[in-house]
Amino acid sequence: MNALAFHLTGIMAAGSVYTLFLLTLGAEAYLVGLAITFTQISPIVQLAGLRVMHRLGKARTLTAGYLVAVAPVVLLACISLFGKPGDAAIWLAVGCIALYTLALQFGLTGWMPLLQDVSAGDAMGAFFTRMRTLYQAAGAVAALAVGVYLGREPAPSRFALTFALAAAIMLFGIWHVRQIPERPVSNRSPHLMRRLWHAAGISPVRRFLAYNSLLNFVTFMALPFWIVFLKRRGLPDGFIVVLITAASIGNAAGVRLWGWLVDSYDYRPVLTIALLGQFLMGISWLGMPLPGSLLYVWAVVFYLIWGAGEAGSLMGQTRAMFSAVPASCQVDAFTLITLCRSACAALGAFIGGRIFQILLSETQPVIHPERWIALLHIGFLAAWLSAQRLAGYADQPSAASVFSDAFKRSARQRV
């Protein structure tokens, strides 16, 4: 239930909705990138979360962060109702989302350790299949409802209800956190930096850090600005939010297959198929239709396929991360991974925002924005090459062998 609440809050108060809210207030692409940068550097507060978790425990740390995060979401609803488009409202909204993510990240210090606790002793793929199918299905319905509600060109006040519902859902999630079972936090050295340095010295953790940091740098250079580009291309705000539904449907449709692959063959074939698929999808940006009905069809199909591929990437990534992190330094290693991932995502969002601002403001840019997006997808190929250095990767079946097994199994069934 907590995962469901967190996912629904992300749909209604962050992500596409928040980006569209900033654009409605008059923000330009570089300000969107700056806002995303702020949200990505917020996990630095997990260092504070580490200091208190040994006293509060994982679930209570998560609860404390969620409680504080409700306030800025309520303030966003107030800005929607009473604020006027302009710099003051934009910067106040940026400040609110920064406070929201700071509080949320403080609480999330305990999230991944809790997940590792509750998934222990179960087939990991099956566990995450159940969890992600539930919240992706609910997320698809929520995104569709929000998209229909916002419409084509919503006024800022139109966003107030979505932010208010997000705050209510967060309170619902807080109520259920206390029911999550957890293992005791291991007693470790009180010297925080020494603990993080120890975690970084573990070879499997260090290799996962390199892979995950590169992947997030590439992802955040491109994905947040799809919305900016699609809006300029003529898609209505409400329809852009509905595209989250398409991604969620693709995610939910693929997650069961990815979970079975992870449990049957481990993470190597899953990451190979997902990351190479995301790399190849960059080509589709070169064939983006002009404004019209074909553009709507193209966007829905793209988000459906992307959602299915993202489900595989996340499933394989989660398995690789849990395999890399030993239980003896569970909290420290997860926090280190989050900090490195967020720093690279923040850098990617900042650089991506500046580049998109330049490309969209010039009448004859050096490279057209859709070509730039397609070019960025080469980064997913680099991430796949980096994944080959993950601990245990070489010992696992390749994607080719998985396809070969599937072909042989199908041939035997026909006979």
Protein backbone atom coordinates (compact mmCIF):
# COMPACT_ATOMS: atom_id res chain seq x y z
CA MET A 1 0.00 0.00 0.00
CA ASN A 2 2.88 2.34 0.72
CA ALA A 3 4.35 1.73 -2.76
CA LEU A 4 0.92 2.41 -4.25
CA ALA A 5 0.56 5.68 -2.33
CA PHE A 6 4.06 6.80 -3.30
CA HIS A 7 3.43 6.05 -6.99
CA LEU A 8 0.06 7.84 -7.06
CA THR A 9 1.56 10.85 -5.28
CA GLY A 10 4.28 10.98 -7.92
CA ILE A 11 1.66 11.08 -10.67
CA MET A 12 -0.48 13.78 -9.04
CA ALA A 13 2.15 16.07 -7.50
CA ALA A 14 5.38 15.45 -9.38
CA GLY A 15 6.60 14.25 -12.77
CA SER A 16 4.52 15.35 -15.75
CA VAL A 17 1.87 17.16 -13.71
CA TYR A 18 4.43 19.32 -11.93
CA THR A 19 6.27 20.05 -15.20
CA LEU A 20 3.01 21.08 -16.88
CA PHE A 21 2.14 23.23 -13.85
CA LEU A 22 5.45 25.10 -14.19
CA LEU A 23 4.88 25.58 -17.93
CA THR A 24 1.38 26.88 -17.21
CA LEU A 25 2.89 29.43 -14.82
CA GLY A 26 5.18 30.57 -17.65
CA ALA A 27 8.41 28.67 -16.91
CA GLU A 28 10.91 28.08 -19.72
CA ALA A 29 12.78 24.84 -20.45
CA TYR A 30 15.88 25.77 -18.44
CA LEU A 31 13.73 26.45 -15.36
CA VAL A 32 12.11 23.04 -15.75
CA GLY A 33 15.61 21.55 -15.89
CA LEU A 34 16.64 23.56 -12.83
CA ALA A 35 13.60 22.34 -10.89
CA ILE A 36 14.38 18.74 -11.80
CA THR A 37 17.99 19.33 -10.74
CA PHE A 38 16.79 20.50 -7.32
CA THR A 39 14.65 17.38 -6.95
CA GLN A 40 17.54 15.13 -7.92
CA ILE A 41 20.05 16.57 -5.45
CA SER A 42 17.54 16.22 -2.60
CA PRO A 43 18.71 12.69 -1.63
CA ILE A 44 21.67 14.37 0.08
CA VAL A 45 19.35 14.55 3.11
CA GLN A 46 19.55 10.76 3.33
CA LEU A 47 22.84 11.38 5.11
CA ALA A 48 20.73 12.85 7.91
CA GLY A 49 18.33 9.92 7.58
CA LEU A 50 21.21 7.53 8.15
CA ARG A 51 22.08 9.27 11.40
CA VAL A 52 18.60 8.90 12.87
CA MET A 53 17.58 5.53 11.44
CA HIS A 54 19.54 3.59 14.04
CA ARG A 55 17.32 5.22 16.67
CA LEU A 56 13.98 5.44 14.85
CA GLY A 57 14.11 2.32 12.70
CA LYS A 58 13.31 2.08 8.99
CA ALA A 59 9.51 2.40 9.04
CA ARG A 60 9.45 5.34 11.49
CA THR A 61 12.08 7.20 9.45
CA LEU A 62 9.91 6.70 6.37
CA THR A 63 6.85 7.95 8.26
CA ALA A 64 8.61 11.09 9.51
CA GLY A 65 9.69 12.07 5.99
CA TYR A 66 6.22 11.51 4.54
CA LEU A 67 4.56 13.61 7.24
CA VAL A 68 6.79 16.62 6.54
CA ALA A 69 6.38 16.19 2.76
CA VAL A 70 2.61 16.73 2.97
CA ALA A 71 2.99 20.45 3.81
CA PRO A 72 4.66 21.66 0.57
CA VAL A 73 2.15 19.67 -1.50
CA VAL A 74 -0.67 21.52 0.26
CA LEU A 75 1.18 24.79 -0.44
CA LEU A 76 1.34 23.88 -4.14
CA ALA A 77 -2.44 23.58 -4.09
CA CYS A 78 -2.62 27.07 -2.56
CA ILE A 79 -0.32 28.49 -5.26
CA SER A 80 -2.59 26.91 -7.86
CA LEU A 81 -5.64 28.61 -6.40
CA PHE A 82 -4.29 32.01 -5.42
CA GLY A 83 -1.01 32.53 -7.30
CA LYS A 84 -0.68 34.48 -10.55
CA PRO A 85 1.51 33.26 -13.45
CA GLY A 86 4.95 34.86 -13.30
CA ASP A 87 8.38 34.60 -11.76
CA ALA A 88 7.19 34.79 -8.14
CA ALA A 89 4.78 31.88 -8.53
CA ILE A 90 7.31 29.86 -10.53
CA TRP A 91 10.08 30.19 -7.94
CA LEU A 92 7.67 29.52 -5.07
CA ALA A 93 6.48 26.37 -6.86
CA VAL A 94 10.09 25.31 -7.43
CA GLY A 95 10.77 25.85 -3.73
CA CYS A 96 7.75 23.73 -2.78
CA ILE A 97 8.77 20.80 -4.92
CA ALA A 98 12.31 21.09 -3.54
CA LEU A 99 11.00 20.93 0.04
CA TYR A 100 8.68 18.08 -0.89
CA THR A 101 11.50 16.00 -2.35
CA LEU A 102 13.86 16.84 0.53
CA ALA A 103 11.37 15.55 3.09
CA LEU A 104 10.44 12.58 0.95
CA GLN A 105 14.06 11.59 0.42
CA PHE A 106 14.74 11.81 4.14
CA GLY A 107 12.00 9.24 4.65
CA LEU A 108 13.07 7.12 1.70
CA THR A 109 16.33 6.36 3.48
CA GLY A 110 14.40 3.44 4.93
CA TRP A 111 12.50 2.43 1.78
CA MET A 112 14.93 0.17 -0.09
CA PRO A 113 16.10 -1.57 3.12
CA LEU A 114 12.44 -2.26 3.93
CA LEU A 115 11.87 -3.68 0.45
CA GLN A 116 14.87 -5.95 0.82
CA ASP A 117 13.52 -7.10 4.19
CA VAL A 118 10.01 -7.93 2.98
CA SER A 119 11.17 -9.58 -0.27
CA ALA A 120 13.64 -11.90 1.49
CA GLY A 121 12.70 -15.58 1.21
CA ASP A 122 10.41 -14.98 -1.78
CA ALA A 123 11.11 -15.19 -5.50
CA MET A 124 12.16 -11.59 -6.04
CA GLY A 125 10.70 -11.34 -9.53
CA ALA A 126 7.33 -12.66 -8.32
CA PHE A 127 7.29 -10.24 -5.39
CA PHE A 128 8.01 -7.17 -7.51
CA THR A 129 5.63 -8.37 -10.20
CA ARG A 130 2.76 -8.34 -7.70
CA MET A 131 3.75 -4.98 -6.25
CA ARG A 132 4.41 -3.19 -9.54
CA THR A 133 1.37 -4.64 -11.31
CA LEU A 134 -0.83 -3.20 -8.55
CA TYR A 135 0.60 0.29 -8.53
CA GLN A 136 1.03 0.51 -12.31
CA ALA A 137 -2.61 -0.45 -12.85
CA ALA A 138 -3.76 2.09 -10.28
CA GLY A 139 -1.35 4.64 -11.75
CA ALA A 140 -2.78 4.15 -15.23
CA VAL A 141 -6.30 4.88 -13.98
CA ALA A 142 -5.09 7.90 -11.99
CA ALA A 143 -3.12 9.36 -14.90
CA LEU A 144 -6.08 8.92 -17.24
CA ALA A 145 -8.38 10.66 -14.76
CA VAL A 146 -5.93 13.52 -14.22
CA GLY A 147 -5.41 13.93 -17.98
CA VAL A 148 -9.14 14.10 -18.67
CA TYR A 149 -9.60 16.51 -15.77
CA LEU A 150 -6.83 18.92 -16.85
CA GLY A 151 -7.96 19.11 -20.47
CA ARG A 152 -6.15 20.94 -23.26
CA GLU A 153 -4.89 24.22 -21.78
CA PRO A 154 -5.66 24.18 -18.03
CA ALA A 155 -5.48 27.31 -15.93
CA PRO A 156 -3.13 27.15 -12.92
CA SER A 157 -6.11 26.82 -10.57
CA ARG A 158 -7.04 23.58 -12.31
CA PHE A 159 -4.05 21.85 -10.70
CA ALA A 160 -5.22 22.53 -7.13
CA LEU A 161 -7.39 19.42 -6.93
CA THR A 162 -4.58 17.11 -8.11
CA PHE A 163 -2.19 18.49 -5.47
CA ALA A 164 -4.86 18.23 -2.75
CA LEU A 165 -5.56 14.59 -3.67
CA ALA A 166 -1.83 13.88 -3.63
CA ALA A 167 -1.60 15.17 -0.06
CA ALA A 168 -4.54 12.99 0.99
CA ILE A 169 -2.99 9.90 -0.63
CA MET A 170 0.29 10.58 1.20
CA LEU A 171 -1.57 10.54 4.51
CA PHE A 172 -3.11 7.21 3.47
CA GLY A 173 0.38 5.85 2.78
CA ILE A 174 1.64 7.05 6.15
CA TRP A 175 -1.12 5.11 7.89
CA HIS A 176 0.03 1.86 6.26
CA VAL A 177 3.78 2.27 6.80
CA ARG A 178 3.52 1.13 10.41
CA GLN A 179 2.29 -2.30 9.24
CA ILE A 180 5.49 -3.08 7.29
CA PRO A 181 7.69 -5.69 9.06
CA GLU A 182 11.38 -4.91 9.27
CA ARG A 183 14.63 -6.41 10.42
CA PRO A 184 16.73 -4.57 13.01
CA VAL A 185 19.22 -2.05 11.65
CA SER A 186 22.71 -3.51 11.97
CA ASN A 187 24.94 -1.84 14.55
CA ARG A 188 27.67 -0.08 12.62
CA SER A 189 30.33 2.52 13.24
CA PRO A 190 28.90 5.94 14.23
CA HIS A 191 31.26 7.60 11.72
CA LEU A 192 28.98 8.21 8.74
CA MET A 193 31.59 8.92 6.06
CA ARG A 194 33.61 5.91 7.14
CA ARG A 195 30.54 3.71 6.70
CA LEU A 196 29.84 5.09 3.22
CA TRP A 197 33.49 4.68 2.26
CA HIS A 198 33.34 1.07 3.45
CA ALA A 199 30.25 0.46 1.28
CA ALA A 200 31.99 2.04 -1.73
CA GLY A 201 34.92 -0.31 -1.20
CA ILE A 202 32.77 -3.39 -1.87
CA SER A 203 33.46 -4.35 -5.48
CA PRO A 204 29.87 -5.41 -6.48
CA VAL A 205 28.48 -2.17 -4.99
CA ARG A 206 31.10 -0.07 -6.78
CA ARG A 207 30.33 -1.69 -10.14
CA PHE A 208 26.61 -1.16 -9.68
CA LEU A 209 27.28 2.50 -8.80
CA ALA A 210 29.10 3.03 -12.11
CA TYR A 211 26.30 1.43 -14.15
CA ASN A 212 23.42 3.10 -12.33
CA SER A 213 24.99 6.56 -12.31
CA LEU A 214 25.59 6.49 -16.07
CA LEU A 215 22.06 5.26 -16.76
CA ASN A 216 20.46 8.04 -14.70
CA PHE A 217 22.66 10.74 -16.22
CA VAL A 218 21.51 9.73 -19.72
CA THR A 219 17.88 9.25 -18.70
CA PHE A 220 17.49 12.68 -17.12
CA MET A 221 19.21 14.46 -19.98
CA ALA A 222 16.28 13.44 -22.19
CA LEU A 223 13.11 12.13 -20.55
CA PRO A 224 11.97 15.22 -18.58
CA PHE A 225 12.13 17.30 -21.76
CA TRP A 226 9.96 15.01 -23.83
CA ILE A 227 7.06 16.88 -22.22
CA VAL A 228 8.45 20.30 -23.19
CA PHE A 229 8.96 19.19 -26.78
CA LEU A 230 5.60 17.40 -27.14
CA LYS A 231 3.78 20.43 -25.74
CA ARG A 232 5.50 22.70 -28.26
CA ARG A 233 4.59 20.21 -30.96
CA GLY A 234 0.94 20.86 -30.18
CA LEU A 235 -0.20 18.08 -27.84
CA PRO A 236 -2.68 19.23 -25.16
CA ASP A 237 -1.64 19.21 -21.51
CA GLY A 238 -4.33 16.69 -20.59
CA PHE A 239 -3.25 14.30 -23.33
CA ILE A 240 0.38 14.51 -22.21
CA VAL A 241 -0.70 13.37 -18.73
CA VAL A 242 -2.77 10.59 -20.36
CA LEU A 243 0.47 9.35 -21.93
CA ILE A 244 1.47 8.30 -18.41
CA THR A 245 -1.50 5.91 -18.62
CA ALA A 246 -0.06 4.45 -21.81
CA ALA A 247 3.34 3.99 -20.13
CA SER A 248 1.70 2.41 -17.06
CA ILE A 249 -0.29 -0.01 -19.23
CA GLY A 250 2.87 -1.01 -21.06
CA ASN A 251 4.66 -1.36 -17.73
CA ALA A 252 1.91 -3.50 -16.19
CA ALA A 253 1.64 -5.64 -19.34
CA GLY A 254 5.35 -6.42 -19.37
CA VAL A 255 6.17 -6.69 -15.68
CA ARG A 256 4.96 -10.30 -15.29
CA LEU A 257 7.20 -11.48 -18.15
CA TRP A 258 10.17 -9.54 -16.78
CA GLY A 259 9.60 -10.98 -13.30
CA TRP A 260 9.54 -14.52 -14.68
CA LEU A 261 12.73 -13.87 -16.66
CA VAL A 262 14.51 -12.52 -13.58
CA ASP A 263 13.51 -15.51 -11.46
CA SER A 264 14.36 -17.97 -14.23
CA TYR A 265 17.53 -16.49 -15.76
CA ASP A 266 18.64 -13.65 -13.43
CA TYR A 267 19.12 -10.03 -14.48
CA ARG A 268 21.52 -10.25 -17.45
CA PRO A 269 19.04 -11.09 -20.26
CA VAL A 270 16.48 -8.66 -18.82
CA LEU A 271 18.88 -5.70 -18.82
CA THR A 272 20.15 -6.63 -22.28
CA ILE A 273 16.69 -6.71 -23.87
CA ALA A 274 15.42 -3.62 -22.03
CA LEU A 275 18.45 -1.35 -22.50
CA LEU A 276 19.07 -2.27 -26.14
CA GLY A 277 15.36 -1.77 -26.77
CA GLN A 278 15.50 1.73 -25.24
CA PHE A 279 18.55 2.49 -27.37
CA LEU A 280 16.75 1.44 -30.56
CA MET A 281 13.64 3.45 -29.63
CA GLY A 282 15.67 6.62 -30.18
CA ILE A 283 15.26 6.04 -33.91
CA SER A 284 11.50 6.60 -33.61
CA TRP A 285 12.07 10.28 -32.73
CA LEU A 286 13.47 10.78 -36.22
CA GLY A 287 10.13 9.66 -37.65
CA MET A 288 7.91 11.73 -35.37
CA PRO A 289 4.83 12.88 -37.35
CA LEU A 290 3.84 16.51 -37.80
CA PRO A 291 1.01 17.88 -35.61
CA GLY A 292 -2.18 15.98 -36.31
CA SER A 293 -3.88 12.68 -35.54
CA LEU A 294 -0.80 10.64 -36.44
CA LEU A 295 1.17 12.46 -33.75
CA TYR A 296 -1.35 11.32 -31.13
CA VAL A 297 -1.06 7.71 -32.31
CA TRP A 298 2.75 7.90 -32.41
CA ALA A 299 2.92 9.29 -28.85
CA VAL A 300 0.62 6.59 -27.41
CA VAL A 301 2.49 3.75 -29.13
CA PHE A 302 5.86 5.18 -28.09
CA TYR A 303 4.85 5.49 -24.42
CA LEU A 304 3.29 2.00 -24.42
CA ILE A 305 6.50 0.40 -25.68
CA TRP A 306 8.68 2.59 -23.49
CA GLY A 307 6.66 1.63 -20.40
CA ALA A 308 7.10 -2.07 -21.17
CA GLY A 309 10.84 -1.62 -21.64
CA GLU A 310 11.17 0.48 -18.50
CA ALA A 311 9.52 -2.30 -16.48
CA GLY A 312 12.28 -4.64 -17.61
CA SER A 313 15.02 -2.14 -16.91
CA LEU A 314 13.72 -1.56 -13.37
CA MET A 315 13.22 -5.27 -12.69
CA GLY A 316 16.73 -6.17 -13.82
CA GLN A 317 18.21 -3.18 -12.05
CA THR A 318 16.51 -4.06 -8.76
CA ARG A 319 17.73 -7.66 -8.95
CA ALA A 320 21.28 -6.50 -9.74
CA MET A 321 21.21 -4.02 -6.87
CA PHE A 322 19.92 -6.49 -4.29
CA SER A 323 22.55 -8.99 -5.46
CA ALA A 324 25.31 -6.40 -5.09
CA VAL A 325 24.35 -5.13 -1.61
CA PRO A 326 25.29 -7.35 1.36
CA ALA A 327 22.96 -7.38 4.37
CA SER A 328 25.84 -6.30 6.63
CA CYS A 329 25.84 -2.75 5.20
CA GLN A 330 22.34 -2.64 3.77
CA VAL A 331 21.35 0.90 4.76
CA ASP A 332 24.72 2.49 3.98
CA ALA A 333 25.05 0.90 0.53
CA PHE A 334 21.51 1.80 -0.55
CA THR A 335 22.03 5.38 0.58
CA LEU A 336 25.32 5.62 -1.31
CA ILE A 337 23.65 4.27 -4.48
CA THR A 338 20.82 6.78 -4.14
CA LEU A 339 23.21 9.71 -3.64
CA CYS A 340 25.36 8.84 -6.67
CA ARG A 341 22.31 8.15 -8.83
CA SER A 342 20.69 11.43 -7.87
CA ALA A 343 23.84 13.49 -8.37
CA CYS A 344 24.21 12.13 -11.91
CA ALA A 345 20.49 12.61 -12.62
CA ALA A 346 20.70 16.21 -11.38
CA LEU A 347 23.71 16.89 -13.58
CA GLY A 348 21.93 15.32 -16.56
CA ALA A 349 18.77 17.37 -15.97
CA PHE A 350 20.72 20.62 -15.62
CA ILE A 351 22.79 20.05 -18.77
CA GLY A 352 19.75 18.75 -20.67
CA GLY A 353 17.69 21.80 -19.67
CA ARG A 354 20.34 24.23 -20.89
CA ILE A 355 20.76 22.40 -24.20
CA PHE A 356 17.02 22.18 -24.82
CA GLN A 357 16.60 25.85 -24.00
CA ILE A 358 19.20 26.73 -26.64
CA LEU A 359 17.75 24.36 -29.26
CA LEU A 360 14.17 25.54 -28.75
CA SER A 361 15.03 29.25 -28.75
CA GLU A 362 17.03 29.29 -32.00
CA THR A 363 15.21 29.59 -35.33
CA GLN A 364 17.90 27.49 -37.04
CA PRO A 365 19.46 25.30 -34.33
CA VAL A 366 22.65 23.33 -34.94
CA ILE A 367 20.64 20.14 -34.47
CA HIS A 368 16.86 19.77 -34.37
CA PRO A 369 15.47 18.81 -30.93
CA GLU A 370 14.04 15.48 -32.10
CA ARG A 371 17.42 14.53 -33.58
CA TRP A 372 19.09 15.51 -30.32
CA ILE A 373 16.68 13.27 -28.37
CA ALA A 374 17.41 10.41 -30.77
CA LEU A 375 21.15 10.97 -30.33
CA LEU A 376 20.84 10.87 -26.54
CA HIS A 377 19.50 7.31 -26.75
CA ILE A 378 23.03 6.17 -27.59
CA GLY A 379 23.56 6.58 -23.84
CA PHE A 380 21.41 3.49 -23.22
CA LEU A 381 23.85 1.49 -25.33
CA ALA A 382 26.67 2.81 -23.13
CA ALA A 383 24.66 1.81 -20.02
CA TRP A 384 24.29 -1.73 -21.40
CA LEU A 385 28.04 -1.95 -21.96
CA SER A 386 28.57 -0.75 -18.38
CA ALA A 387 26.11 -3.39 -17.09
CA GLN A 388 28.41 -6.11 -18.43
CA ARG A 389 30.82 -5.32 -15.58
CA LEU A 390 28.21 -6.00 -12.88
CA ALA A 391 29.05 -8.76 -10.42
CA GLY A 392 27.86 -12.15 -11.67
CA TYR A 393 26.89 -10.85 -15.13
CA ALA A 394 29.29 -13.14 -17.03
CA ASP A 395 28.00 -16.23 -15.20
CA GLN A 396 24.36 -15.67 -16.17
CA PRO A 397 22.59 -16.80 -19.37
CA SER A 398 22.72 -14.33 -22.24
CA ALA A 399 19.65 -12.93 -23.96
CA ALA A 400 20.53 -15.00 -27.03
CA SER A 401 20.47 -18.20 -24.99
CA VAL A 402 17.10 -17.23 -23.50
CA PHE A 403 15.64 -16.72 -26.98
CA SER A 404 17.19 -20.04 -28.07
CA ASP A 405 15.59 -21.84 -25.11
CA ALA A 406 12.23 -20.25 -25.89
CA PHE A 407 12.49 -21.31 -29.56
CA LYS A 408 13.39 -24.89 -28.63
CA ARG A 409 10.56 -25.06 -26.09
CA SER A 410 8.11 -23.78 -28.69
CA ALA A 411 9.37 -26.32 -31.25
CA ARG A 412 8.92 -29.20 -28.78
CA GLN A 413 5.37 -28.05 -28.00
CA ARG A 414 4.47 -28.02 -31.71
CA VAL A 415 5.79 -31.56 -32.05
